Every structure is written in C-alpha cells, then in structure tokens.
C-alpha cells in the first residue's frame, strides 16, 4: 500500500514545465465531480468526496500544507455526517431538501468563519505547520463550515465555497500546485451555478410546502 501511495505521488505528467502527480490529478477531478454531484443533490456526492479526501491528503501533506492536509481528515468525518443527513432529508421528487439559512444560522456561519480562522491560524503558526498560516486556516475553516452547511442543506454553503476559492487560487499557485489552482477556478464557476440551482430549488420546495399547508 505504501508503495502504491508513493507511486501516485511521485509519478504523473508535466504541463508547461509543472509536474502534476497522478494523486493530484485524480483527487482534484474527484473533488470537481463532488461539486457537480452536489448541484444535483445526489447521495453519490459523499462516496466520491471520500475518494478525493484520501488522495488530496497525500498531496497536501507532501507539499507541507499542514492546514490543507489536516482539513482532509476532518472532511472525511463530515462526509459521514453529510451522507447520513442527506439520507434523512431526501425527497422522492426533488432529491435532498434544501433551504435558506435562518438569521441565527447565518450568524453562526459568519462567527465560525471569523473565530475559527483566527484560532487555527495561530495554532498553525505556533506549530510551524504551514508557511502561509492565515490563508491556510481560512481555507481549512471555510471548508469545514461549507461542508457542515451543505450537510444541513443550506443554500448559503455555496457562498462559503466562493470565499474559500478566492483565497485558494493564489495559495495553490504560490505552492506550485498549478493544476489544483486551475481546478479551483473551475470550482468557482460551478459554485456560482450551484448557488443559483439550489436557490431555485429552495423556492420551489418552499412554494410546494406552503401550498400543502394552505390546502
């Protein structure tokens, strides 16, 4: 198993003078597929996420991006929660039930992003676990918050992903992970479409629920 892990990390191909490992390629493509599947609110989102998590953990650990590597471990745990939560919130016609966050939930999201980023950045600095602790921490905490909100079916999780992408692209470029940076740009386009799609679905589901109550 160790030999396989070393092979997918050490081997790959070169684009414009930049080496892209097989682990980075497959991991990022799986992560890209997760966004595509999440737009469609399908349970297949979560097993594909697990595959991406394992591969990207190896990629970020080898690039000495401590926050991004640890993030994958937490994502694995959150993916289990998301899988369970989406199973409970499924609808035979519309798929996973989605909605807009309440005022309290939005305050929780913002507070978690701000306080979590500050605390984790200080931890990374103290442990000397990252050469870019603040952006690394922002991406780490933002990802956790986004996955938590996604598991709850909150439309706002797409906006959190946009905030993560805004920092992720320059960080990936600075780390020499150019393919991952390009994937982040594609993520951003899919995220915008996903936000629009979930907003529309949330309105339809809300209208249907109101009609059912009124009837």
N, C-alpha and C. Protein backbone atom coordinates (compact mmCIF):
# COMPACT_ATOMS: atom_id res chain seq x y z
N UNK A 1 0.83 -1.21 0.00
CA UNK A 1 0.00 0.00 0.00
C UNK A 1 0.87 1.26 0.00
N UNK A 2 1.94 1.23 0.80
CA UNK A 2 2.84 2.38 0.84
C UNK A 2 3.50 2.61 -0.51
N UNK A 3 3.84 1.50 -1.18
CA UNK A 3 4.48 1.61 -2.49
C UNK A 3 3.54 2.26 -3.50
N UNK A 4 2.26 1.90 -3.43
CA UNK A 4 1.27 2.49 -4.33
C UNK A 4 1.12 3.99 -4.06
N UNK A 5 1.06 4.34 -2.76
CA UNK A 5 0.93 5.75 -2.39
C UNK A 5 2.11 6.56 -2.89
N UNK A 6 3.30 6.02 -2.73
CA UNK A 6 4.50 6.72 -3.20
C UNK A 6 4.49 6.87 -4.72
N UNK A 7 4.00 5.84 -5.41
CA UNK A 7 3.99 5.88 -6.88
C UNK A 7 3.06 6.97 -7.40
N UNK A 8 1.83 7.05 -6.85
CA UNK A 8 0.87 8.04 -7.35
C UNK A 8 1.29 9.46 -6.99
N UNK A 9 2.13 9.61 -5.96
CA UNK A 9 2.63 10.93 -5.59
C UNK A 9 3.86 11.32 -6.40
N UNK A 10 4.71 10.34 -6.69
CA UNK A 10 5.97 10.63 -7.36
C UNK A 10 5.87 10.61 -8.88
N UNK A 11 4.81 10.03 -9.41
CA UNK A 11 4.67 9.92 -10.86
C UNK A 11 3.49 10.74 -11.36
N UNK A 12 3.55 11.11 -12.61
CA UNK A 12 2.48 11.90 -13.20
C UNK A 12 2.89 12.39 -14.57
N UNK A 13 2.63 13.67 -14.84
CA UNK A 13 3.00 14.24 -16.13
C UNK A 13 3.32 15.72 -15.94
N UNK A 14 3.83 16.32 -16.97
CA UNK A 14 4.26 17.71 -16.90
C UNK A 14 3.46 18.57 -17.88
N UNK A 15 2.97 19.70 -17.40
CA UNK A 15 2.24 20.66 -18.24
C UNK A 15 2.89 22.02 -18.07
N UNK A 16 3.38 22.58 -19.16
CA UNK A 16 4.03 23.89 -19.14
C UNK A 16 5.15 23.94 -18.10
N UNK A 17 5.88 22.84 -18.01
CA UNK A 17 7.02 22.80 -17.10
C UNK A 17 6.68 22.49 -15.66
N UNK A 18 5.38 22.27 -15.36
CA UNK A 18 4.96 21.99 -14.00
C UNK A 18 4.51 20.54 -13.87
N UNK A 19 5.07 19.85 -12.87
CA UNK A 19 4.73 18.45 -12.67
C UNK A 19 3.40 18.31 -11.94
N UNK A 20 2.55 17.44 -12.44
CA UNK A 20 1.26 17.14 -11.82
C UNK A 20 1.24 15.65 -11.51
N UNK A 21 1.15 15.31 -10.23
CA UNK A 21 1.15 13.90 -9.84
C UNK A 21 -0.20 13.28 -10.15
N UNK A 22 -0.20 11.95 -10.27
CA UNK A 22 -1.47 11.25 -10.51
C UNK A 22 -2.42 11.45 -9.33
N UNK A 23 -1.86 11.52 -8.13
CA UNK A 23 -2.69 11.71 -6.94
C UNK A 23 -3.41 13.05 -7.00
N UNK A 24 -2.68 14.10 -7.41
CA UNK A 24 -3.29 15.42 -7.51
C UNK A 24 -4.33 15.45 -8.61
N UNK A 25 -4.03 14.83 -9.75
CA UNK A 25 -4.96 14.82 -10.87
C UNK A 25 -6.27 14.14 -10.50
N UNK A 26 -6.18 12.89 -10.03
CA UNK A 26 -7.39 12.13 -9.71
C UNK A 26 -8.13 12.75 -8.53
N UNK A 27 -7.37 13.20 -7.52
CA UNK A 27 -8.01 13.80 -6.35
C UNK A 27 -8.80 15.05 -6.70
N UNK A 28 -8.22 15.92 -7.52
CA UNK A 28 -8.91 17.15 -7.90
C UNK A 28 -10.08 16.88 -8.84
N UNK A 29 -9.94 15.89 -9.71
CA UNK A 29 -11.06 15.55 -10.58
C UNK A 29 -12.23 14.99 -9.77
N UNK A 30 -11.91 14.20 -8.74
CA UNK A 30 -12.96 13.69 -7.85
C UNK A 30 -13.62 14.85 -7.10
N UNK A 31 -12.81 15.81 -6.64
CA UNK A 31 -13.35 16.97 -5.94
C UNK A 31 -14.24 17.79 -6.87
N UNK A 32 -13.83 17.88 -8.13
CA UNK A 32 -14.64 18.59 -9.12
C UNK A 32 -15.97 17.88 -9.34
N UNK A 33 -15.91 16.55 -9.37
CA UNK A 33 -17.13 15.76 -9.54
C UNK A 33 -18.07 15.94 -8.36
N UNK A 34 -17.51 16.16 -7.17
CA UNK A 34 -18.32 16.37 -5.97
C UNK A 34 -19.20 17.61 -6.14
N UNK A 35 -18.62 18.70 -6.66
CA UNK A 35 -19.40 19.92 -6.86
C UNK A 35 -20.51 19.67 -7.87
N UNK A 36 -20.19 18.96 -8.94
CA UNK A 36 -21.17 18.64 -9.98
C UNK A 36 -22.31 17.81 -9.39
N UNK A 37 -21.98 16.81 -8.57
CA UNK A 37 -22.99 15.94 -7.97
C UNK A 37 -23.81 16.69 -6.92
N UNK A 38 -23.15 17.58 -6.17
CA UNK A 38 -23.85 18.35 -5.14
C UNK A 38 -24.91 19.26 -5.76
N UNK A 39 -24.62 19.80 -6.94
CA UNK A 39 -25.62 20.62 -7.63
C UNK A 39 -26.91 19.84 -7.84
N UNK A 40 -26.75 18.55 -8.10
CA UNK A 40 -27.90 17.68 -8.40
C UNK A 40 -28.46 17.00 -7.15
N UNK A 41 -27.87 17.31 -6.00
CA UNK A 41 -28.36 16.83 -4.70
C UNK A 41 -28.47 15.30 -4.67
N UNK A 42 -27.46 14.61 -5.18
CA UNK A 42 -27.45 13.16 -5.19
C UNK A 42 -26.55 12.61 -4.08
N UNK A 43 -26.93 11.47 -3.51
CA UNK A 43 -26.15 10.87 -2.43
C UNK A 43 -24.77 10.41 -2.89
N UNK A 44 -24.59 10.25 -4.20
CA UNK A 44 -23.27 9.84 -4.72
C UNK A 44 -22.22 10.90 -4.42
N UNK A 45 -22.65 12.11 -4.04
CA UNK A 45 -21.73 13.18 -3.68
C UNK A 45 -20.72 12.72 -2.63
N UNK A 46 -21.20 12.00 -1.63
CA UNK A 46 -20.37 11.71 -0.47
C UNK A 46 -19.32 10.62 -0.67
N UNK A 47 -19.62 9.47 -1.29
CA UNK A 47 -18.54 8.49 -1.53
C UNK A 47 -17.45 9.03 -2.46
N UNK A 48 -17.83 9.86 -3.42
CA UNK A 48 -16.83 10.47 -4.29
C UNK A 48 -15.97 11.44 -3.48
N UNK A 49 -16.61 12.13 -2.53
CA UNK A 49 -15.86 13.05 -1.66
C UNK A 49 -14.82 12.30 -0.83
N UNK A 50 -15.17 11.12 -0.36
CA UNK A 50 -14.23 10.32 0.43
C UNK A 50 -12.99 9.99 -0.40
N UNK A 51 -13.19 9.62 -1.66
CA UNK A 51 -12.07 9.29 -2.55
C UNK A 51 -11.16 10.50 -2.74
N UNK A 52 -11.77 11.66 -2.97
CA UNK A 52 -10.99 12.89 -3.14
C UNK A 52 -10.21 13.22 -1.88
N UNK A 53 -10.83 13.01 -0.74
CA UNK A 53 -10.20 13.33 0.54
C UNK A 53 -8.91 12.54 0.76
N UNK A 54 -8.96 11.26 0.51
CA UNK A 54 -7.79 10.40 0.73
C UNK A 54 -6.62 10.83 -0.16
N UNK A 55 -6.91 11.08 -1.43
CA UNK A 55 -5.85 11.45 -2.37
C UNK A 55 -5.27 12.83 -2.08
N UNK A 56 -6.14 13.79 -1.78
CA UNK A 56 -5.66 15.15 -1.56
C UNK A 56 -4.93 15.30 -0.23
N UNK A 57 -5.26 14.45 0.73
CA UNK A 57 -4.50 14.46 1.98
C UNK A 57 -3.02 14.17 1.68
N UNK A 58 -2.79 13.17 0.86
CA UNK A 58 -1.41 12.80 0.50
C UNK A 58 -0.72 13.93 -0.27
N UNK A 59 -1.46 14.57 -1.18
CA UNK A 59 -0.88 15.66 -1.98
C UNK A 59 -0.47 16.84 -1.10
N UNK A 60 -1.37 17.29 -0.23
CA UNK A 60 -1.09 18.47 0.59
C UNK A 60 -0.04 18.18 1.66
N UNK A 61 -0.04 16.97 2.20
CA UNK A 61 0.97 16.61 3.19
C UNK A 61 2.36 16.64 2.56
N UNK A 62 2.47 16.15 1.33
CA UNK A 62 3.77 16.14 0.65
C UNK A 62 4.22 17.54 0.27
N UNK A 63 3.25 18.49 0.14
CA UNK A 63 3.58 19.88 -0.19
C UNK A 63 3.77 20.73 1.07
N UNK A 64 3.71 20.09 2.25
CA UNK A 64 3.90 20.76 3.54
C UNK A 64 2.85 21.85 3.79
N UNK A 65 1.62 21.59 3.35
CA UNK A 65 0.49 22.47 3.65
C UNK A 65 -0.31 21.82 4.77
N UNK A 66 0.12 22.07 6.01
CA UNK A 66 -0.46 21.39 7.16
C UNK A 66 -1.96 21.56 7.30
N UNK A 67 -2.42 22.81 7.15
CA UNK A 67 -3.85 23.06 7.31
C UNK A 67 -4.68 22.33 6.28
N UNK A 68 -4.22 22.36 5.02
CA UNK A 68 -4.97 21.70 3.96
C UNK A 68 -4.96 20.19 4.14
N UNK A 69 -3.85 19.66 4.66
CA UNK A 69 -3.77 18.21 4.88
C UNK A 69 -4.70 17.76 6.01
N UNK A 70 -4.64 18.48 7.12
CA UNK A 70 -5.50 18.14 8.26
C UNK A 70 -6.96 18.30 7.88
N UNK A 71 -7.22 19.28 7.03
CA UNK A 71 -8.59 19.53 6.57
C UNK A 71 -9.21 18.28 5.96
N UNK A 72 -8.42 17.51 5.23
CA UNK A 72 -8.95 16.33 4.57
C UNK A 72 -9.43 15.29 5.58
N UNK A 73 -8.74 15.19 6.70
CA UNK A 73 -9.14 14.25 7.74
C UNK A 73 -10.50 14.65 8.32
N UNK A 74 -10.66 15.95 8.58
CA UNK A 74 -11.93 16.44 9.12
C UNK A 74 -13.04 16.29 8.09
N UNK A 75 -12.72 16.55 6.83
CA UNK A 75 -13.72 16.41 5.77
C UNK A 75 -14.25 14.99 5.71
N UNK A 76 -13.37 14.03 5.93
CA UNK A 76 -13.79 12.63 5.91
C UNK A 76 -14.87 12.39 6.96
N UNK A 77 -14.67 12.94 8.16
CA UNK A 77 -15.65 12.78 9.23
C UNK A 77 -16.95 13.51 8.90
N UNK A 78 -16.82 14.72 8.35
CA UNK A 78 -18.01 15.49 8.00
C UNK A 78 -18.77 14.82 6.86
N UNK A 79 -18.05 14.15 5.97
CA UNK A 79 -18.69 13.46 4.86
C UNK A 79 -19.61 12.35 5.36
N UNK A 80 -19.19 11.69 6.43
CA UNK A 80 -20.03 10.66 7.03
C UNK A 80 -21.32 11.29 7.55
N UNK A 81 -21.18 12.46 8.22
CA UNK A 81 -22.37 13.17 8.70
C UNK A 81 -23.25 13.61 7.53
N UNK A 82 -22.63 14.15 6.48
CA UNK A 82 -23.40 14.62 5.33
C UNK A 82 -24.16 13.50 4.66
N UNK A 83 -23.52 12.35 4.53
CA UNK A 83 -24.17 11.18 3.93
C UNK A 83 -25.40 10.79 4.74
N UNK A 84 -25.22 10.75 6.05
CA UNK A 84 -26.33 10.40 6.95
C UNK A 84 -27.44 11.45 6.87
N UNK A 85 -27.05 12.74 6.90
CA UNK A 85 -28.03 13.82 6.90
C UNK A 85 -28.82 13.85 5.60
N UNK A 86 -28.15 13.66 4.47
CA UNK A 86 -28.86 13.69 3.18
C UNK A 86 -29.79 12.49 3.04
N UNK A 87 -29.45 11.37 3.63
CA UNK A 87 -30.35 10.22 3.63
C UNK A 87 -31.65 10.56 4.35
N UNK A 88 -31.55 11.35 5.41
CA UNK A 88 -32.73 11.71 6.20
C UNK A 88 -33.55 12.80 5.55
N UNK A 89 -32.92 13.64 4.71
CA UNK A 89 -33.61 14.79 4.13
C UNK A 89 -33.94 14.60 2.65
N UNK A 90 -34.01 13.37 2.21
CA UNK A 90 -34.28 13.12 0.79
C UNK A 90 -35.77 13.23 0.48
N UNK A 91 -36.06 13.61 -0.74
CA UNK A 91 -37.43 13.74 -1.23
C UNK A 91 -37.53 12.93 -2.52
N UNK A 92 -38.58 12.12 -2.70
CA UNK A 92 -38.67 11.27 -3.88
C UNK A 92 -38.72 12.03 -5.21
N UNK A 93 -39.15 13.29 -5.18
CA UNK A 93 -39.27 14.08 -6.41
C UNK A 93 -38.12 15.06 -6.56
N UNK A 94 -37.82 15.81 -5.50
CA UNK A 94 -36.84 16.89 -5.58
C UNK A 94 -35.46 16.53 -5.05
N UNK A 95 -35.28 15.32 -4.60
CA UNK A 95 -33.98 14.93 -4.05
C UNK A 95 -33.80 15.48 -2.65
N UNK A 96 -32.57 15.84 -2.28
CA UNK A 96 -32.30 16.35 -0.95
C UNK A 96 -33.01 17.69 -0.76
N UNK A 97 -33.70 17.83 0.37
CA UNK A 97 -34.44 19.05 0.66
C UNK A 97 -33.45 20.16 1.03
N UNK A 98 -33.54 21.30 0.36
CA UNK A 98 -32.63 22.42 0.62
C UNK A 98 -33.44 23.64 1.03
N UNK A 99 -32.78 24.56 1.73
CA UNK A 99 -33.46 25.77 2.21
C UNK A 99 -32.43 26.86 2.47
N UNK A 100 -32.93 28.09 2.63
CA UNK A 100 -32.05 29.19 3.00
C UNK A 100 -31.85 29.18 4.52
N UNK A 101 -30.68 29.60 4.94
CA UNK A 101 -30.36 29.61 6.37
C UNK A 101 -31.18 30.68 7.09
N UNK A 102 -31.48 30.41 8.35
CA UNK A 102 -32.15 31.40 9.18
C UNK A 102 -31.14 32.47 9.59
N UNK A 103 -31.62 33.54 10.22
CA UNK A 103 -30.73 34.61 10.67
C UNK A 103 -29.71 34.06 11.66
N UNK A 104 -30.18 33.23 12.58
CA UNK A 104 -29.28 32.64 13.58
C UNK A 104 -28.23 31.77 12.91
N UNK A 105 -28.64 30.96 11.95
CA UNK A 105 -27.70 30.10 11.25
C UNK A 105 -26.66 30.91 10.49
N UNK A 106 -27.07 32.02 9.91
CA UNK A 106 -26.11 32.87 9.19
C UNK A 106 -25.09 33.48 10.14
N UNK A 107 -25.56 33.89 11.32
CA UNK A 107 -24.64 34.43 12.32
C UNK A 107 -23.66 33.36 12.78
N UNK A 108 -24.14 32.14 12.91
CA UNK A 108 -23.27 31.02 13.30
C UNK A 108 -22.21 30.79 12.23
N UNK A 109 -22.61 30.82 10.97
CA UNK A 109 -21.67 30.61 9.86
C UNK A 109 -20.57 31.68 9.86
N UNK A 110 -20.98 32.94 10.00
CA UNK A 110 -20.02 34.05 9.98
C UNK A 110 -19.08 33.99 11.18
N UNK A 111 -19.65 33.71 12.36
CA UNK A 111 -18.83 33.63 13.57
C UNK A 111 -17.84 32.48 13.50
N UNK A 112 -18.31 31.35 13.00
CA UNK A 112 -17.42 30.19 12.88
C UNK A 112 -16.27 30.47 11.92
N UNK A 113 -16.56 31.17 10.82
CA UNK A 113 -15.52 31.52 9.86
C UNK A 113 -14.47 32.46 10.48
N UNK A 114 -14.94 33.50 11.15
CA UNK A 114 -14.03 34.50 11.71
C UNK A 114 -13.21 33.95 12.87
N UNK A 115 -13.89 33.42 13.88
CA UNK A 115 -13.20 32.93 15.07
C UNK A 115 -12.38 31.69 14.78
N UNK A 116 -12.95 30.80 13.98
CA UNK A 116 -12.24 29.56 13.65
C UNK A 116 -10.96 29.83 12.88
N UNK A 117 -11.02 30.76 11.92
CA UNK A 117 -9.82 31.09 11.14
C UNK A 117 -8.74 31.68 12.03
N UNK A 118 -9.11 32.61 12.90
CA UNK A 118 -8.12 33.24 13.78
C UNK A 118 -7.46 32.21 14.70
N UNK A 119 -8.28 31.36 15.31
CA UNK A 119 -7.74 30.36 16.24
C UNK A 119 -6.84 29.36 15.54
N UNK A 120 -7.27 28.90 14.37
CA UNK A 120 -6.49 27.87 13.68
C UNK A 120 -5.21 28.45 13.08
N UNK A 121 -5.26 29.69 12.64
CA UNK A 121 -4.05 30.33 12.10
C UNK A 121 -2.99 30.47 13.19
N UNK A 122 -3.42 30.85 14.38
CA UNK A 122 -2.49 30.96 15.50
C UNK A 122 -1.90 29.60 15.86
N UNK A 123 -2.73 28.56 15.78
CA UNK A 123 -2.25 27.20 16.07
C UNK A 123 -1.22 26.76 15.04
N UNK A 124 -1.51 26.99 13.77
CA UNK A 124 -0.56 26.62 12.71
C UNK A 124 0.76 27.36 12.88
N UNK A 125 0.68 28.63 13.27
CA UNK A 125 1.90 29.42 13.47
C UNK A 125 2.71 28.87 14.64
N UNK A 126 2.02 28.54 15.73
CA UNK A 126 2.70 28.02 16.92
C UNK A 126 3.38 26.69 16.64
N UNK A 127 2.75 25.87 15.82
CA UNK A 127 3.29 24.55 15.50
C UNK A 127 4.24 24.58 14.30
N UNK A 128 4.34 25.74 13.67
CA UNK A 128 5.14 25.88 12.45
C UNK A 128 4.73 24.83 11.41
N UNK A 129 3.39 24.65 11.28
CA UNK A 129 2.85 23.60 10.41
C UNK A 129 2.52 24.10 9.01
N UNK A 130 2.65 25.40 8.78
CA UNK A 130 2.32 25.94 7.46
C UNK A 130 3.13 27.20 7.21
N UNK A 131 3.57 27.39 5.95
CA UNK A 131 4.30 28.61 5.61
C UNK A 131 3.35 29.77 5.34
N UNK A 132 2.04 29.47 5.23
CA UNK A 132 1.03 30.51 5.00
C UNK A 132 -0.15 30.25 5.93
N UNK A 133 0.03 30.46 7.25
CA UNK A 133 -0.98 30.06 8.23
C UNK A 133 -2.36 30.70 8.07
N UNK A 134 -2.42 32.00 7.73
CA UNK A 134 -3.72 32.66 7.67
C UNK A 134 -4.56 32.21 6.47
N UNK A 135 -4.04 32.24 5.25
CA UNK A 135 -4.84 31.71 4.14
C UNK A 135 -5.10 30.22 4.28
N UNK A 136 -4.11 29.48 4.81
CA UNK A 136 -4.29 28.05 5.03
C UNK A 136 -5.43 27.81 6.01
N UNK A 137 -5.46 28.62 7.08
CA UNK A 137 -6.51 28.49 8.09
C UNK A 137 -7.88 28.87 7.53
N UNK A 138 -7.92 29.93 6.70
CA UNK A 138 -9.18 30.36 6.10
C UNK A 138 -9.78 29.26 5.24
N UNK A 139 -8.93 28.62 4.43
CA UNK A 139 -9.41 27.54 3.57
C UNK A 139 -9.85 26.35 4.41
N UNK A 140 -9.09 26.05 5.45
CA UNK A 140 -9.42 24.92 6.33
C UNK A 140 -10.77 25.12 7.00
N UNK A 141 -10.93 26.24 7.69
CA UNK A 141 -12.17 26.52 8.42
C UNK A 141 -13.33 26.72 7.45
N UNK A 142 -13.08 27.43 6.35
CA UNK A 142 -14.14 27.66 5.36
C UNK A 142 -14.67 26.36 4.79
N UNK A 143 -13.77 25.42 4.55
CA UNK A 143 -14.19 24.12 4.02
C UNK A 143 -15.06 23.38 5.01
N UNK A 144 -14.66 23.39 6.28
CA UNK A 144 -15.45 22.71 7.31
C UNK A 144 -16.84 23.33 7.43
N UNK A 145 -16.88 24.66 7.45
CA UNK A 145 -18.17 25.36 7.56
C UNK A 145 -19.04 25.06 6.34
N UNK A 146 -18.43 25.06 5.16
CA UNK A 146 -19.18 24.80 3.93
C UNK A 146 -19.77 23.39 3.93
N UNK A 147 -18.96 22.40 4.33
CA UNK A 147 -19.46 21.03 4.35
C UNK A 147 -20.55 20.84 5.40
N UNK A 148 -20.40 21.51 6.54
CA UNK A 148 -21.43 21.43 7.58
C UNK A 148 -22.74 22.00 7.05
N UNK A 149 -22.67 23.18 6.41
CA UNK A 149 -23.87 23.81 5.86
C UNK A 149 -24.45 22.98 4.72
N UNK A 150 -23.57 22.36 3.93
CA UNK A 150 -24.03 21.50 2.84
C UNK A 150 -24.79 20.30 3.39
N UNK A 151 -24.27 19.72 4.46
CA UNK A 151 -24.94 18.58 5.07
C UNK A 151 -26.33 18.94 5.58
N UNK A 152 -26.50 20.18 6.02
CA UNK A 152 -27.80 20.65 6.51
C UNK A 152 -28.70 21.14 5.38
N UNK A 153 -28.18 21.13 4.15
CA UNK A 153 -28.99 21.55 3.01
C UNK A 153 -29.19 23.05 2.93
N UNK A 154 -28.23 23.84 3.43
CA UNK A 154 -28.35 25.30 3.41
C UNK A 154 -27.79 25.87 2.10
N UNK A 155 -28.58 26.71 1.44
CA UNK A 155 -28.16 27.32 0.17
C UNK A 155 -26.87 28.10 0.33
N UNK A 156 -26.67 28.71 1.50
CA UNK A 156 -25.52 29.59 1.71
C UNK A 156 -24.18 28.86 1.68
N UNK A 157 -24.20 27.54 1.71
CA UNK A 157 -22.92 26.83 1.70
C UNK A 157 -22.15 27.13 0.41
N UNK A 158 -22.86 27.43 -0.68
CA UNK A 158 -22.18 27.77 -1.93
C UNK A 158 -21.41 29.08 -1.82
N UNK A 159 -21.94 30.04 -1.07
CA UNK A 159 -21.26 31.32 -0.89
C UNK A 159 -19.98 31.15 -0.07
N UNK A 160 -20.03 30.25 0.90
CA UNK A 160 -18.83 29.96 1.69
C UNK A 160 -17.75 29.37 0.79
N UNK A 161 -18.16 28.49 -0.13
CA UNK A 161 -17.20 27.90 -1.07
C UNK A 161 -16.55 28.96 -1.95
N UNK A 162 -17.33 29.97 -2.35
CA UNK A 162 -16.76 31.05 -3.16
C UNK A 162 -15.67 31.79 -2.38
N UNK A 163 -15.93 32.02 -1.10
CA UNK A 163 -14.94 32.70 -0.25
C UNK A 163 -13.68 31.86 -0.11
N UNK A 164 -13.85 30.54 -0.04
CA UNK A 164 -12.70 29.64 0.04
C UNK A 164 -11.90 29.68 -1.26
N UNK A 165 -12.60 29.65 -2.38
CA UNK A 165 -11.93 29.67 -3.69
C UNK A 165 -11.12 30.95 -3.89
N UNK A 166 -11.65 32.07 -3.39
CA UNK A 166 -10.98 33.36 -3.58
C UNK A 166 -9.59 33.37 -2.96
N UNK A 167 -9.41 32.61 -1.89
CA UNK A 167 -8.10 32.51 -1.23
C UNK A 167 -7.33 31.30 -1.75
N UNK A 168 -8.07 30.26 -2.12
CA UNK A 168 -7.43 29.02 -2.54
C UNK A 168 -6.62 29.14 -3.81
N UNK A 169 -7.09 29.91 -4.78
CA UNK A 169 -6.37 30.02 -6.06
C UNK A 169 -4.96 30.59 -5.88
N UNK A 170 -4.81 31.77 -5.26
CA UNK A 170 -3.44 32.29 -5.10
C UNK A 170 -2.57 31.43 -4.20
N UNK A 171 -3.15 30.77 -3.19
CA UNK A 171 -2.36 29.90 -2.31
C UNK A 171 -1.83 28.69 -3.07
N UNK A 172 -2.69 28.10 -3.91
CA UNK A 172 -2.25 26.95 -4.69
C UNK A 172 -1.15 27.34 -5.67
N UNK A 173 -1.28 28.51 -6.29
CA UNK A 173 -0.26 28.98 -7.23
C UNK A 173 1.07 29.20 -6.50
N UNK A 174 1.00 29.84 -5.34
CA UNK A 174 2.21 30.09 -4.56
C UNK A 174 2.86 28.79 -4.09
N UNK A 175 2.07 27.73 -3.96
CA UNK A 175 2.59 26.43 -3.51
C UNK A 175 3.11 25.59 -4.67
N UNK A 176 2.94 26.10 -5.90
CA UNK A 176 3.39 25.35 -7.06
C UNK A 176 2.41 24.30 -7.53
N UNK A 177 1.19 24.31 -6.97
CA UNK A 177 0.15 23.35 -7.35
C UNK A 177 -0.74 23.99 -8.42
N UNK A 178 -0.20 24.15 -9.61
CA UNK A 178 -0.89 24.90 -10.66
C UNK A 178 -2.14 24.21 -11.17
N UNK A 179 -2.09 22.89 -11.24
CA UNK A 179 -3.28 22.17 -11.68
C UNK A 179 -4.41 22.36 -10.67
N UNK A 180 -4.08 22.26 -9.38
CA UNK A 180 -5.08 22.46 -8.34
C UNK A 180 -5.66 23.88 -8.41
N UNK A 181 -4.80 24.86 -8.71
CA UNK A 181 -5.27 26.24 -8.84
C UNK A 181 -6.26 26.37 -9.99
N UNK A 182 -5.97 25.69 -11.10
CA UNK A 182 -6.88 25.73 -12.25
C UNK A 182 -8.21 25.08 -11.89
N UNK A 183 -8.15 23.99 -11.12
CA UNK A 183 -9.38 23.32 -10.69
C UNK A 183 -10.20 24.24 -9.80
N UNK A 184 -9.53 25.02 -8.95
CA UNK A 184 -10.24 25.97 -8.08
C UNK A 184 -11.02 26.99 -8.92
N UNK A 185 -10.44 27.42 -10.03
CA UNK A 185 -11.13 28.37 -10.91
C UNK A 185 -12.38 27.73 -11.49
N UNK A 186 -12.26 26.48 -11.91
CA UNK A 186 -13.43 25.76 -12.43
C UNK A 186 -14.46 25.59 -11.32
N UNK A 187 -13.97 25.30 -10.10
CA UNK A 187 -14.86 25.20 -8.95
C UNK A 187 -15.73 26.43 -8.83
N UNK A 188 -15.10 27.60 -8.94
CA UNK A 188 -15.81 28.86 -8.75
C UNK A 188 -16.98 28.98 -9.72
N UNK A 189 -16.76 28.60 -10.97
CA UNK A 189 -17.84 28.66 -11.97
C UNK A 189 -18.97 27.70 -11.61
N UNK A 190 -18.60 26.49 -11.19
CA UNK A 190 -19.62 25.50 -10.81
C UNK A 190 -20.36 25.93 -9.54
N UNK A 191 -19.63 26.57 -8.64
CA UNK A 191 -20.24 27.02 -7.38
C UNK A 191 -21.30 28.08 -7.66
N UNK A 192 -21.01 29.02 -8.55
CA UNK A 192 -22.00 30.05 -8.90
C UNK A 192 -23.26 29.40 -9.47
N UNK A 193 -23.06 28.43 -10.36
CA UNK A 193 -24.21 27.73 -10.93
C UNK A 193 -24.94 26.93 -9.85
N UNK A 194 -24.19 26.30 -8.95
CA UNK A 194 -24.81 25.54 -7.87
C UNK A 194 -25.65 26.41 -6.95
N UNK A 195 -25.12 27.60 -6.64
CA UNK A 195 -25.87 28.53 -5.79
C UNK A 195 -27.18 28.92 -6.46
N UNK A 196 -27.14 29.21 -7.75
CA UNK A 196 -28.35 29.56 -8.50
C UNK A 196 -29.33 28.39 -8.51
N UNK A 197 -28.83 27.19 -8.74
CA UNK A 197 -29.68 26.00 -8.82
C UNK A 197 -30.34 25.70 -7.48
N UNK A 198 -29.57 25.77 -6.39
CA UNK A 198 -30.14 25.48 -5.07
C UNK A 198 -31.13 26.56 -4.66
N UNK A 199 -30.87 27.81 -5.03
CA UNK A 199 -31.82 28.89 -4.73
C UNK A 199 -33.16 28.61 -5.41
N UNK A 200 -33.10 28.21 -6.66
CA UNK A 200 -34.32 27.92 -7.41
C UNK A 200 -35.06 26.73 -6.79
N UNK A 201 -34.31 25.69 -6.45
CA UNK A 201 -34.93 24.51 -5.84
C UNK A 201 -35.55 24.84 -4.49
N UNK A 202 -34.86 25.66 -3.70
CA UNK A 202 -35.38 26.05 -2.39
C UNK A 202 -36.70 26.80 -2.53
N UNK A 203 -36.79 27.67 -3.54
CA UNK A 203 -38.04 28.41 -3.77
C UNK A 203 -39.17 27.46 -4.16
N UNK A 204 -38.87 26.51 -5.03
CA UNK A 204 -39.88 25.54 -5.47
C UNK A 204 -40.36 24.71 -4.29
N UNK A 205 -39.43 24.23 -3.48
CA UNK A 205 -39.80 23.41 -2.33
C UNK A 205 -40.60 24.21 -1.31
N UNK A 206 -40.21 25.49 -1.11
CA UNK A 206 -40.93 26.34 -0.17
C UNK A 206 -42.35 26.61 -0.66
N UNK A 207 -42.50 26.84 -1.96
CA UNK A 207 -43.83 27.06 -2.54
C UNK A 207 -44.70 25.82 -2.41
N UNK A 208 -44.10 24.67 -2.64
CA UNK A 208 -44.85 23.42 -2.53
C UNK A 208 -45.30 23.18 -1.10
N UNK A 209 -44.41 23.47 -0.12
CA UNK A 209 -44.77 23.29 1.28
C UNK A 209 -45.88 24.25 1.69
N UNK A 210 -45.81 25.50 1.20
CA UNK A 210 -46.85 26.48 1.52
C UNK A 210 -48.19 26.06 0.94
N UNK A 211 -48.15 25.52 -0.28
CA UNK A 211 -49.39 25.07 -0.91
C UNK A 211 -49.99 23.90 -0.15
N UNK A 212 -49.12 23.01 0.35
CA UNK A 212 -49.59 21.84 1.10
C UNK A 212 -50.24 22.27 2.41
N UNK A 213 -49.64 23.28 3.07
CA UNK A 213 -50.19 23.78 4.32
C UNK A 213 -51.51 24.50 4.07
N UNK A 214 -51.53 25.30 3.00
CA UNK A 214 -52.75 26.04 2.66
C UNK A 214 -53.88 25.14 2.24
N UNK A 215 -53.50 23.99 1.60
CA UNK A 215 -54.53 23.06 1.15
C UNK A 215 -55.12 22.28 2.29
